[in-house]
Protein backbone atom coordinates (compact mmCIF):
# COMPACT_ATOMS: atom_id res chain seq x y z
CA MET A 1 60.11 -17.64 -107.06
CA ILE A 2 57.84 -20.64 -105.98
CA LEU A 3 58.92 -22.44 -103.07
CA ASP A 4 56.86 -25.57 -101.42
CA GLY A 5 55.90 -24.88 -98.01
CA ASN A 6 56.13 -28.42 -97.32
CA ASN A 7 59.82 -27.81 -97.46
CA LYS A 8 59.62 -25.85 -94.20
CA LYS A 9 63.64 -25.08 -94.10
CA ASP A 10 63.04 -23.08 -97.40
CA ILE A 11 60.58 -20.57 -95.73
CA GLN A 12 61.52 -17.65 -93.86
CA ASP A 13 59.47 -16.09 -90.74
CA GLN A 14 59.22 -12.48 -91.42
CA TYR A 15 57.87 -10.73 -94.78
CA ASP A 16 57.05 -7.41 -95.52
CA LEU A 17 53.73 -8.19 -97.01
CA VAL A 18 52.12 -11.50 -97.41
CA ILE A 19 48.89 -11.79 -99.84
CA VAL A 20 47.14 -14.50 -99.16
CA GLY A 21 46.20 -16.53 -102.61
CA ALA A 22 48.30 -16.56 -105.97
CA GLY A 23 45.33 -16.51 -108.12
CA THR A 24 44.05 -14.07 -110.54
CA VAL A 25 43.92 -10.73 -108.16
CA GLY A 26 46.83 -12.03 -105.88
CA LEU A 27 49.07 -12.23 -109.01
CA TYR A 28 47.91 -8.94 -110.29
CA LEU A 29 48.31 -7.46 -106.72
CA ALA A 30 51.66 -8.58 -106.27
CA HIS A 31 52.57 -7.47 -109.76
CA SER A 32 51.54 -3.95 -109.14
CA ILE A 33 52.89 -3.50 -105.66
CA ASN A 34 56.00 -4.34 -107.20
CA LYS A 35 56.30 -1.65 -109.57
CA LYS A 36 55.30 0.82 -107.10
CA ASN A 37 57.44 -0.37 -104.55
CA PRO A 38 60.21 -2.12 -106.03
CA HIS A 39 62.21 -2.69 -102.55
CA ILE A 40 59.19 -4.56 -100.61
CA GLU A 41 59.70 -8.26 -100.34
CA ILE A 42 56.09 -9.73 -101.40
CA THR A 43 55.28 -13.37 -99.99
CA LEU A 44 52.17 -14.95 -101.50
CA ILE A 45 50.30 -17.84 -99.82
CA GLU A 46 49.01 -20.24 -101.85
CA SER A 47 46.43 -23.50 -100.89
CA GLY A 48 47.02 -25.29 -104.36
CA SER A 49 49.75 -26.48 -106.47
CA GLU A 50 51.69 -25.00 -109.60
CA TYR A 51 48.88 -26.22 -111.56
CA PRO A 52 45.27 -25.36 -110.44
CA THR A 53 42.69 -27.41 -110.32
CA LYS A 54 38.99 -27.84 -109.22
CA GLU A 55 39.13 -30.99 -107.53
CA PHE A 56 39.13 -30.40 -104.11
CA ASN A 57 36.00 -28.04 -104.66
CA SER A 58 33.99 -30.45 -102.90
CA ASP A 59 35.85 -30.99 -99.99
CA LEU A 60 35.73 -27.36 -99.05
CA SER A 61 32.50 -26.37 -99.62
CA GLU A 62 28.53 -27.57 -100.85
CA SER A 63 25.72 -25.54 -102.18
CA SER A 64 22.22 -25.31 -100.54
CA GLY A 65 19.07 -23.32 -101.60
CA LYS A 66 18.95 -22.50 -105.19
CA LYS A 67 21.60 -24.36 -106.91
CA HIS A 68 24.90 -22.87 -107.14
CA SER A 69 27.00 -24.55 -109.33
CA GLY A 70 29.76 -22.36 -109.05
CA THR A 71 30.89 -23.45 -105.60
CA LEU A 72 31.90 -26.98 -107.15
CA ASN A 73 32.84 -25.77 -110.17
CA GLY A 74 33.67 -22.34 -110.62
CA ARG A 75 37.01 -21.88 -108.75
CA ALA A 76 40.32 -23.33 -109.17
CA SER A 77 43.08 -23.71 -106.45
CA GLY A 78 46.78 -23.24 -107.15
CA VAL A 79 49.19 -20.56 -109.00
CA GLY A 80 46.90 -18.60 -111.52
CA GLY A 81 43.82 -19.78 -109.72
CA THR A 82 40.47 -19.53 -111.88
CA SER A 83 42.15 -17.50 -114.62
CA HIS A 84 42.82 -20.84 -115.73
CA LEU A 85 39.01 -21.69 -115.99
CA TRP A 86 38.39 -17.88 -117.42
CA GLY A 87 38.26 -16.92 -121.07
CA GLY A 88 39.41 -13.42 -120.36
CA GLN A 89 36.66 -11.11 -120.95
CA LEU A 90 36.37 -7.87 -119.47
CA ALA A 91 33.38 -5.56 -118.71
CA GLU A 92 33.07 -2.35 -117.24
CA PHE A 93 30.40 -1.55 -114.77
CA GLU A 94 28.30 1.81 -115.54
CA ARG A 95 27.53 4.87 -113.49
CA LEU A 96 24.19 3.31 -112.13
CA ASP A 97 26.02 0.44 -110.62
CA PHE A 98 27.57 3.11 -108.31
CA GLU A 99 24.73 5.38 -108.15
CA GLY A 100 21.56 3.66 -108.37
CA ASP A 101 19.45 2.24 -104.89
CA ASN A 102 20.57 -0.92 -104.98
CA SER A 103 24.32 0.10 -105.51
CA GLY A 104 25.55 0.08 -101.70
CA TRP A 105 29.35 1.75 -103.18
CA PRO A 106 31.10 4.27 -101.04
CA LEU A 107 33.30 5.12 -103.84
CA ASP A 108 33.02 7.38 -107.15
CA TYR A 109 32.20 5.81 -110.29
CA GLU A 110 34.84 8.81 -111.99
CA GLU A 111 37.22 7.04 -109.24
CA ILE A 112 36.66 3.71 -110.64
CA LEU A 113 36.95 4.55 -114.18
CA SER A 114 40.10 6.00 -113.28
CA TYR A 115 41.34 2.54 -112.70
CA TYR A 116 40.19 0.68 -115.19
CA LYS A 117 42.33 2.69 -117.47
CA LYS A 118 45.28 1.77 -115.21
CA VAL A 119 44.36 -1.79 -115.27
CA TYR A 120 44.27 -1.74 -118.93
CA ASP A 121 47.67 -0.41 -118.92
CA GLN A 122 48.74 -3.17 -116.59
CA LEU A 123 47.28 -5.63 -118.86
CA ASN A 124 49.14 -4.26 -122.15
CA MET A 125 45.91 -3.47 -123.47
CA HIS A 126 46.88 0.40 -124.39
CA ASN A 127 44.56 0.48 -127.42
CA VAL A 128 41.13 0.29 -125.20
CA GLN A 129 38.30 2.35 -127.36
CA SER A 130 34.95 4.11 -126.01
CA SER A 131 31.55 2.19 -127.10
CA GLU A 132 31.52 5.20 -129.28
CA LEU A 133 34.22 4.43 -131.28
CA TYR A 134 33.36 0.74 -131.50
CA ASP A 135 29.73 1.53 -132.73
CA LYS A 136 31.57 3.57 -135.57
CA ALA A 137 33.95 0.42 -136.62
CA TYR A 138 30.92 -1.89 -136.44
CA GLY A 139 28.31 0.78 -138.14
CA LYS A 140 25.29 2.26 -136.40
CA LEU A 141 22.29 0.78 -135.32
CA THR A 142 19.08 2.44 -135.36
CA ASP A 143 16.53 2.45 -132.47
CA ALA A 144 13.43 4.92 -132.40
CA ASN A 145 12.67 4.05 -129.14
CA LYS A 146 15.97 4.86 -127.67
CA LYS A 147 15.72 2.09 -125.01
CA ILE A 148 18.68 -0.49 -125.88
CA VAL A 149 22.23 0.27 -126.84
CA ARG A 150 25.50 -1.64 -128.22
CA THR A 151 27.99 -2.39 -125.41
CA TYR A 152 31.20 -3.88 -125.96
CA THR A 153 33.43 -6.35 -123.48
CA ARG A 154 37.18 -6.75 -124.06
CA TRP A 155 38.93 -10.06 -124.30
CA LEU A 156 42.75 -10.32 -123.02
CA LYS A 157 45.01 -12.16 -125.56
CA GLU A 158 46.35 -14.40 -122.60
CA PRO A 159 43.76 -14.96 -120.11
CA ASN A 160 45.78 -17.16 -117.71
CA PHE A 161 47.51 -15.11 -115.18
CA TYR A 162 50.11 -17.89 -114.69
CA ASN A 163 51.20 -17.22 -118.14
CA PHE A 164 50.80 -13.56 -118.12
CA PHE A 165 52.77 -12.84 -114.94
CA LYS A 166 55.14 -15.81 -115.66
CA ASP A 167 58.37 -13.23 -115.39
CA ASP A 168 57.20 -12.12 -111.78
CA ILE A 169 56.75 -16.19 -110.84
CA LYS A 170 59.72 -17.15 -112.18
CA ASN A 171 62.41 -14.51 -112.50
CA ASN A 172 61.46 -11.30 -109.83
CA LYS A 173 63.52 -12.19 -106.50
CA LYS A 174 61.27 -9.91 -104.63
CA ILE A 175 58.08 -11.80 -105.30
CA LYS A 176 57.96 -15.23 -103.54
CA ILE A 177 55.12 -17.74 -103.96
CA ILE A 178 54.83 -20.67 -101.12
CA LYS A 179 52.13 -23.50 -102.79
CA ASN A 180 50.63 -26.36 -101.01
CA THR A 181 50.24 -24.24 -98.07
CA THR A 182 46.54 -22.94 -96.38
CA VAL A 183 46.11 -20.11 -94.04
CA ASN A 184 43.90 -21.23 -91.20
CA GLY A 185 44.32 -18.56 -88.73
CA ILE A 186 45.74 -15.10 -87.73
CA LYS A 187 47.13 -13.43 -84.45
CA PHE A 188 46.51 -9.87 -83.57
CA ASN A 189 48.21 -7.32 -80.89
CA GLY A 190 45.41 -4.97 -80.66
CA ASN A 191 44.02 -4.03 -84.08
CA ARG A 192 47.19 -4.93 -85.97
CA ALA A 193 47.70 -8.68 -87.21
CA ILE A 194 50.88 -9.62 -86.34
CA SER A 195 51.42 -13.15 -87.94
CA ILE A 196 49.28 -15.66 -89.52
CA ASN A 197 49.13 -19.66 -89.04
CA CYS A 198 49.35 -22.22 -91.78
CA ILE A 199 49.04 -25.50 -92.68
CA THR A 200 50.58 -27.25 -95.55
CA ASN A 201 49.10 -30.58 -97.50
CA ASN A 202 51.35 -32.64 -95.63
CA LEU A 203 50.03 -31.40 -92.23
CA VAL A 204 53.12 -29.61 -91.38
CA ASP A 205 52.43 -26.15 -89.54
CA ILE A 206 53.79 -22.66 -90.21
CA SER A 207 53.79 -19.25 -88.72
CA LEU A 208 54.60 -16.26 -90.80
CA SER A 209 55.03 -12.83 -89.50
CA ALA A 210 54.70 -9.57 -91.98
CA ASN A 211 53.87 -5.93 -91.69
CA ARG A 212 50.63 -6.02 -94.02
CA PHE A 213 48.62 -8.74 -94.79
CA ILE A 214 46.22 -8.98 -98.10
CA PHE A 215 43.60 -11.68 -98.64
CA ALA A 216 43.12 -12.55 -102.07
CA SER A 217 41.92 -16.15 -102.39
CA GLY A 218 38.82 -15.66 -103.87
CA THR A 219 34.95 -15.09 -102.98
CA MET A 220 34.79 -18.57 -101.60
CA GLY A 221 37.98 -19.05 -100.03
CA MET A 222 38.38 -15.86 -98.07
CA ASN A 223 34.70 -16.05 -96.55
CA GLN A 224 35.62 -19.29 -95.57
CA PHE A 225 38.94 -17.77 -93.66
CA PHE A 226 36.86 -15.06 -92.64
CA LEU A 227 34.30 -17.22 -90.95
CA SER A 228 36.14 -20.03 -89.74
CA THR A 229 38.40 -17.56 -87.87
CA GLN A 230 35.41 -16.17 -86.31
CA ILE A 231 35.61 -19.64 -84.23
CA THR A 232 39.15 -20.10 -84.17
CA SER A 233 40.89 -16.66 -83.60
CA ASN A 234 40.73 -13.57 -81.80
CA THR A 235 39.98 -11.18 -84.33
CA PRO A 236 38.39 -7.85 -84.61
CA TRP A 237 35.90 -9.13 -86.86
CA ASN A 238 34.88 -11.83 -84.28
CA MET A 239 31.64 -10.27 -83.69
CA ASN A 240 31.03 -8.73 -87.37
CA GLU A 241 27.45 -10.35 -88.39
CA ASN A 242 28.17 -9.54 -91.93
CA VAL A 243 30.81 -11.89 -92.57
CA GLY A 244 29.25 -13.83 -95.44
CA LYS A 245 26.21 -12.00 -96.07
CA TYR A 246 25.16 -10.58 -99.37
CA PHE A 247 26.68 -13.24 -101.34
CA GLN A 248 25.82 -12.76 -105.03
CA ASP A 249 26.10 -14.18 -108.41
CA HIS A 250 25.15 -13.02 -111.63
CA LEU A 251 21.76 -14.88 -113.27
CA GLY A 252 22.24 -16.15 -116.78
CA GLY A 253 20.01 -17.97 -118.86
CA VAL A 254 18.68 -18.59 -122.60
CA ILE A 255 15.73 -17.07 -123.50
CA GLY A 256 15.00 -18.21 -127.10
CA THR A 257 16.53 -18.52 -130.07
CA LEU A 258 17.00 -15.69 -132.92
CA ASP A 259 15.25 -15.93 -136.20
CA ILE A 260 17.24 -14.31 -138.70
CA LYS A 261 15.80 -12.35 -141.03
CA ASN A 262 19.02 -10.61 -142.80
CA GLU A 263 22.16 -12.96 -141.92
CA LYS A 264 24.38 -10.36 -143.47
CA LEU A 265 23.28 -7.84 -141.03
CA PHE A 266 23.38 -9.87 -137.87
CA ARG A 267 27.10 -11.01 -138.92
CA LYS A 268 28.23 -7.14 -139.53
CA TYR A 269 26.83 -6.17 -136.09
CA PHE A 270 27.10 -8.91 -133.81
CA GLU A 271 30.18 -10.99 -134.67
CA ASN A 272 33.34 -10.55 -132.69
CA SER A 273 35.99 -8.58 -134.06
CA TRP A 274 39.53 -6.81 -133.40
CA VAL A 275 39.62 -3.05 -132.95
CA LYS A 276 43.00 -1.88 -132.84
CA GLY A 277 44.33 -5.06 -131.83
CA ILE A 278 41.94 -5.52 -129.26
CA LYS A 279 39.31 -8.42 -129.54
CA VAL A 280 35.78 -7.58 -128.64
CA GLN A 281 32.21 -8.67 -128.29
CA PRO A 282 29.33 -6.43 -128.86
CA LYS A 283 26.12 -6.88 -126.76
CA LEU A 284 23.00 -5.13 -126.02
CA LYS A 285 22.23 -3.26 -122.54
CA PHE A 286 19.61 -0.81 -121.69
CA THR A 287 20.22 2.91 -122.42
CA SER A 288 21.13 4.87 -119.33
CA LYS A 289 17.53 6.53 -119.77
CA ASN A 290 15.92 3.32 -119.93
CA ARG A 291 17.20 2.08 -116.62
CA SER A 292 15.92 3.41 -113.58
CA ALA A 293 17.71 3.68 -110.58
CA GLN A 294 15.70 1.17 -108.87
CA GLU A 295 15.89 -1.46 -111.86
CA THR A 296 18.63 -3.99 -111.65
CA GLY A 297 21.20 -3.99 -114.52
CA ALA A 298 21.01 -6.78 -117.53
CA ILE A 299 22.51 -7.55 -120.91
CA ALA A 300 21.57 -9.90 -123.71
CA PHE A 301 24.24 -11.27 -126.21
CA PHE A 302 24.46 -14.49 -128.58
CA THR A 303 25.90 -17.83 -128.60
CA TYR A 304 25.84 -20.11 -131.41
CA LYS A 305 25.00 -23.72 -131.95
CA SER A 306 26.09 -25.86 -134.90
CA LYS A 307 26.37 -29.77 -136.48
CA TYR A 308 29.90 -29.21 -136.38
CA GLU A 309 29.99 -27.80 -132.86
CA ASN A 310 32.17 -31.12 -131.52
CA SER A 311 34.81 -30.87 -134.43
CA ILE A 312 35.20 -27.05 -133.57
CA ILE A 313 35.75 -27.81 -129.97
CA ARG A 314 38.20 -30.21 -130.88
CA ILE A 315 39.89 -27.87 -133.29
CA LYS A 316 40.36 -25.37 -130.87
CA HIS A 317 42.21 -27.55 -128.61
CA SER A 318 44.72 -28.74 -130.85
CA LEU A 319 45.46 -25.77 -132.17
CA LYS A 320 46.13 -24.70 -128.47
CA ASN A 321 48.39 -27.16 -127.97
CA ILE A 322 50.51 -27.48 -131.21
CA GLY A 323 53.94 -27.49 -130.40
CA LYS A 324 53.24 -29.65 -126.81
CA ASP A 325 52.16 -33.30 -127.05
CA LEU A 326 50.44 -33.77 -129.90
CA LYS A 327 49.74 -37.58 -131.24
CA VAL A 328 49.52 -38.69 -134.43
CA LYS A 329 46.09 -39.73 -134.09
CA ASP A 330 44.95 -36.50 -132.60
CA ILE A 331 46.67 -34.53 -136.00
CA ILE A 332 44.84 -37.22 -138.21
CA LEU A 333 41.49 -36.13 -136.01
CA LEU A 334 42.49 -32.31 -136.59
CA ILE A 335 43.03 -33.30 -140.21
CA LYS A 336 39.27 -34.78 -140.19
CA ASP A 337 37.56 -32.22 -138.43
CA LEU A 338 39.10 -29.44 -140.69
CA SER A 339 37.47 -31.06 -143.76
CA ILE A 340 34.28 -31.54 -141.93
CA ILE A 341 34.16 -27.47 -141.39
CA ARG A 342 35.86 -26.78 -144.66
CA LYS A 343 33.42 -24.50 -146.02
CA ASP A 344 33.47 -22.36 -143.08
CA LEU A 345 36.68 -22.59 -142.38
CA ILE A 346 37.61 -20.57 -145.62
CA LEU A 347 35.40 -17.74 -144.08
CA ILE A 348 37.14 -18.02 -140.93
CA ILE A 349 40.41 -17.59 -142.35
CA TYR A 350 39.39 -15.05 -144.89
CA LYS A 351 37.73 -12.80 -142.04
CA PHE A 352 40.50 -13.17 -139.56
CA LEU A 353 43.03 -12.34 -142.28
CA PHE A 354 41.17 -9.44 -143.91
CA LYS A 355 38.20 -7.92 -141.73
CA LYS A 356 39.77 -8.63 -138.51
CA ARG A 357 36.42 -10.71 -137.65
CA VAL A 358 35.25 -13.90 -136.07
CA HIS A 359 33.25 -15.87 -138.09
CA ALA A 360 30.49 -17.47 -136.19
CA VAL A 361 29.81 -20.83 -136.99
CA PHE A 362 25.83 -21.62 -136.67
CA ASP A 363 23.21 -23.50 -138.42
CA LEU A 364 20.99 -21.12 -140.16
CA LYS A 365 17.64 -22.30 -137.97
CA ASN A 366 17.04 -22.36 -134.45
CA SER A 367 20.77 -22.12 -133.93
CA VAL A 368 21.40 -18.62 -132.85
CA GLU A 369 20.51 -18.44 -128.80
CA ILE A 370 19.46 -15.60 -126.98
CA ASN A 371 21.48 -14.99 -123.21
CA ILE A 372 20.45 -12.94 -120.60
CA HIS A 373 22.80 -11.96 -117.95
CA SER A 374 21.00 -9.99 -114.99
CA GLU A 375 22.52 -8.18 -111.76
CA GLN A 376 21.44 -9.85 -108.66
CA ILE A 377 19.87 -7.50 -105.78
CA PRO A 378 22.09 -7.90 -102.76
CA ILE A 379 20.10 -9.22 -100.13
CA LYS A 380 21.36 -10.34 -96.37
CA ASN A 381 19.96 -14.02 -96.50
CA SER A 382 21.98 -14.95 -99.54
CA GLU A 383 25.09 -15.96 -97.62
CA ILE A 384 28.08 -18.17 -97.25
CA LYS A 385 27.96 -19.69 -94.05
CA ILE A 386 29.62 -23.02 -91.80
CA ALA A 387 28.26 -25.84 -92.69
CA ASN A 388 27.55 -28.15 -89.76
CA ASN A 389 30.57 -27.23 -88.03
CA ILE A 390 32.41 -29.48 -89.90
CA ILE A 391 36.03 -28.81 -89.39
CA LEU A 392 38.46 -29.87 -92.27
CA ASP A 393 41.92 -31.19 -91.93
CA ASN A 394 43.26 -27.93 -93.29
CA GLY A 395 41.80 -26.19 -89.90
CA LEU A 396 39.10 -24.13 -91.63
CA PHE A 397 35.53 -25.12 -91.33
CA LYS A 398 33.45 -26.56 -94.69
CA THR A 399 31.43 -23.73 -95.68
CA GLN A 400 27.93 -23.91 -97.36
CA THR A 401 26.37 -21.33 -100.20
CA CYS A 402 22.83 -20.36 -99.25
CA TRP A 403 22.23 -18.48 -102.66
CA SER A 404 19.12 -17.24 -102.76
CA CYS A 405 17.30 -14.35 -104.97
CA GLU A 406 14.87 -11.10 -103.75
CA GLY A 407 12.88 -12.05 -107.51
CA SER A 408 12.31 -8.68 -108.65
CA GLU A 409 15.18 -9.18 -110.99
CA ALA A 410 13.09 -10.80 -113.03
CA VAL A 411 11.43 -7.70 -113.90
CA SER A 412 14.49 -6.27 -115.73
CA ILE A 413 14.87 -9.85 -117.47
CA LYS A 414 11.54 -9.24 -119.10
CA LYS A 415 12.02 -5.75 -119.70
CA ILE A 416 15.26 -6.16 -121.70
CA SER A 417 13.96 -9.64 -123.37
CA LYS A 418 10.89 -7.65 -124.89
CA GLU A 419 13.08 -4.20 -125.48
CA VAL A 420 15.80 -6.38 -127.27
CA ASP A 421 13.04 -8.30 -129.48
CA SER A 422 11.80 -4.81 -130.39
CA PHE A 423 15.30 -3.75 -131.39
CA LEU A 424 16.36 -6.27 -133.69
CA ARG A 425 12.97 -6.17 -135.38
CA ILE A 426 13.05 -2.69 -136.14
CA ASN A 427 16.79 -2.82 -137.48
CA GLY A 428 15.72 -5.74 -140.07
CA ILE A 429 17.71 -8.10 -138.28
CA GLY A 430 15.64 -10.91 -137.09
CA GLU A 431 13.34 -11.35 -134.22
CA ILE A 432 13.30 -13.40 -131.13
CA ILE A 433 11.38 -17.13 -130.46
CA PHE A 434 10.69 -17.02 -126.73
CA ASN A 435 10.98 -20.29 -125.19
CA ASP A 436 7.55 -21.64 -124.29
CA GLY A 437 5.51 -19.39 -121.89
CA TYR A 438 8.67 -17.43 -121.10
CA LEU A 439 7.29 -14.00 -121.36
CA GLU A 440 3.98 -15.19 -118.90
CA LYS A 441 6.00 -16.66 -116.05
CA SER A 442 5.97 -15.71 -112.85
CA ASN A 443 9.10 -13.86 -111.31
CA SER A 444 9.91 -16.93 -109.45
CA ALA A 445 9.33 -19.66 -111.62
CA LEU A 446 11.38 -17.56 -114.49
CA LEU A 447 14.27 -17.07 -111.93
CA ASN A 448 14.32 -20.81 -111.36
CA ASP A 449 15.24 -21.18 -115.09
CA PHE A 450 18.26 -18.85 -114.50
CA HIS A 451 21.76 -20.29 -113.12
CA ASP A 452 24.96 -18.94 -111.74
CA THR A 453 27.49 -17.97 -113.81
CA ASN A 454 30.69 -18.10 -112.06
CA HIS A 455 30.74 -14.26 -111.02
CA GLN A 456 30.65 -15.23 -106.98
CA CYS A 457 30.78 -11.78 -105.16
CA GLY A 458 30.04 -10.45 -101.46
CA GLY A 459 30.35 -11.95 -98.28
CA LEU A 460 33.07 -9.17 -97.09
CA ILE A 461 31.34 -6.17 -98.61
CA ILE A 462 32.68 -2.84 -98.55
CA SER A 463 30.77 -0.13 -96.84
CA GLU A 464 30.52 3.36 -94.94
CA ASN A 465 30.66 2.09 -91.60
CA GLN A 466 31.35 -1.35 -89.72
CA GLU A 467 27.90 -1.40 -88.61
CA SER A 468 26.84 -2.21 -92.49
CA GLY A 469 29.91 -4.09 -94.08
CA VAL A 470 33.29 -5.89 -93.35
CA VAL A 471 35.76 -3.56 -95.05
CA ASP A 472 35.63 0.10 -95.51
CA LYS A 473 36.45 2.02 -99.10
CA ASN A 474 40.04 1.35 -99.04
CA CYS A 475 39.40 -2.06 -98.69
CA LYS A 476 40.82 -2.60 -95.21
CA VAL A 477 38.97 -4.82 -92.63
CA TRP A 478 37.45 -2.68 -90.22
CA GLY A 479 38.69 -2.48 -86.70
CA THR A 480 42.44 -3.24 -88.27
CA SER A 481 45.43 -1.33 -89.20
CA ASN A 482 47.14 -3.87 -91.47
CA VAL A 483 44.54 -6.53 -93.01
CA TRP A 484 43.08 -5.76 -96.45
CA VAL A 485 40.71 -7.65 -98.56
CA ALA A 486 40.71 -7.57 -102.41
CA GLY A 487 38.68 -9.09 -104.89
CA SER A 488 34.90 -9.58 -105.61
CA SER A 489 34.07 -10.18 -102.35
CA VAL A 490 33.89 -6.85 -101.56
CA PHE A 491 31.23 -5.64 -104.00
CA PRO A 492 27.99 -4.63 -102.41
CA SER A 493 26.78 -4.95 -105.51
CA SER A 494 27.72 -6.48 -108.65
CA SER A 495 26.12 -5.02 -111.53
CA TYR A 496 25.44 -7.33 -114.65
CA ALA A 497 28.93 -7.61 -115.86
CA ASN A 498 31.84 -9.91 -115.45
CA SER A 499 33.11 -9.23 -112.07
CA THR A 500 37.07 -9.14 -112.69
CA LEU A 501 37.66 -5.96 -114.54
CA THR A 502 36.14 -4.12 -111.51
CA ALA A 503 37.91 -6.78 -109.07
CA LEU A 504 41.43 -5.62 -110.58
CA ALA A 505 40.59 -2.13 -110.61
CA LEU A 506 39.61 -2.11 -106.95
CA ALA A 507 43.17 -4.20 -106.36
CA GLU A 508 44.93 -1.39 -108.29
CA ARG A 509 43.68 1.23 -106.10
CA LEU A 510 44.59 -0.95 -102.70
CA ALA A 511 48.03 -1.12 -104.62
CA GLU A 512 48.14 2.46 -103.90
CA HIS A 513 46.44 2.70 -100.84
CA CYS A 514 47.94 -0.03 -98.55
CA PHE A 515 51.78 1.25 -98.41
CA GLU A 516 50.47 5.22 -97.91
């Protein structure tokens, strides 16, 4: 059930559990906790409306230092949150991400693996296979140097969590969402939170009491709340100097194009496909023996350019909206676009029906791009902080993302670039035509060419003790007895992999611990 905070008469004063944020992690948490505790009354507080938007991001925060585009473009406020922007790609962290020198995780890798499995089950992905079985489905590749190996990301059929959890949102009487309402304060009795202060977009003040509070409003939103309440409220984290620190994002960039020597082999080994009903994307990473505990993780994958690119984008958009409100001119344009790509269209249909493959559309020369995503080394001066003490109408302070990189990430980026080139040559697939001067650049110059990838992490990191972080290993805020944080803001390090799956794994773990 969705309620509007502006209609104060519809809002009760006391709840069992309040989850702040009805985005990707918030909705997942509500669903998981409800399944484990069906008698619990769960209320989600969402600052946005039923229809997420990026419109207000520039009012809430700004970027300084190394440009961080995700501050303005990488999040959305509203029910379903950033899942409206997300493609639905799920990627697992690996052992070294939890045991390497830059890790900081107080959790065991095997435990996280067990929660990945639980997340897959919750998301109806019951046929997820191991990389070895995917290798068998795709065919083996040779690597005499044993330095590079394929890995696979999985894709959700329905990435939009508003749609995925629609039954909970519309019909579950134990789950309520209060929209158009921003949480801007919290009150404690000793170490126990007793209520939160809220304001609606019509500037109506609301106070809500609860037995438990979980903050799950995204990395940027949660850091904004915890930083603001250090100033405006008497909280257990008032003196915690780690709030806002160790902000991270993945470094992404195109390093060159692939000169294809054998198109048939390239398509066989690297086109997306469906294996046992789950869409997977092959990528390339370091073997476990080729990545030391001191090195950051990195991954390589392919994207495609085509002279038909605009037509393909329009076709995808039209197909998604079939049955909604397509106008006659849209249908005429769709027919024209289908005619333009008719040769590839035949292959798209054939591969989908008979090969369970996604036919990649690209021009043969300089149109397959090599992308690198790299882990960022967490450093304390990469942070989110209050921006010039600017207080907003919603009672929170405007924040500033001060994104900064340590610099040695470039070592792993160059290393994987060279070894992927060697790997592709050895297998007769092709060779990388690197961007001019790419391999000769200094570390700082190379990282200047890399951008953020909308995978914001950190600021409220998990830690062994209160001196080094903001939440304990169960994601409970240090110094509190009933306040937790859910999402990638607790990551002390962030691998090279998309952050959502691990954030959901921690949420699944939290769903078990917060009602013990």
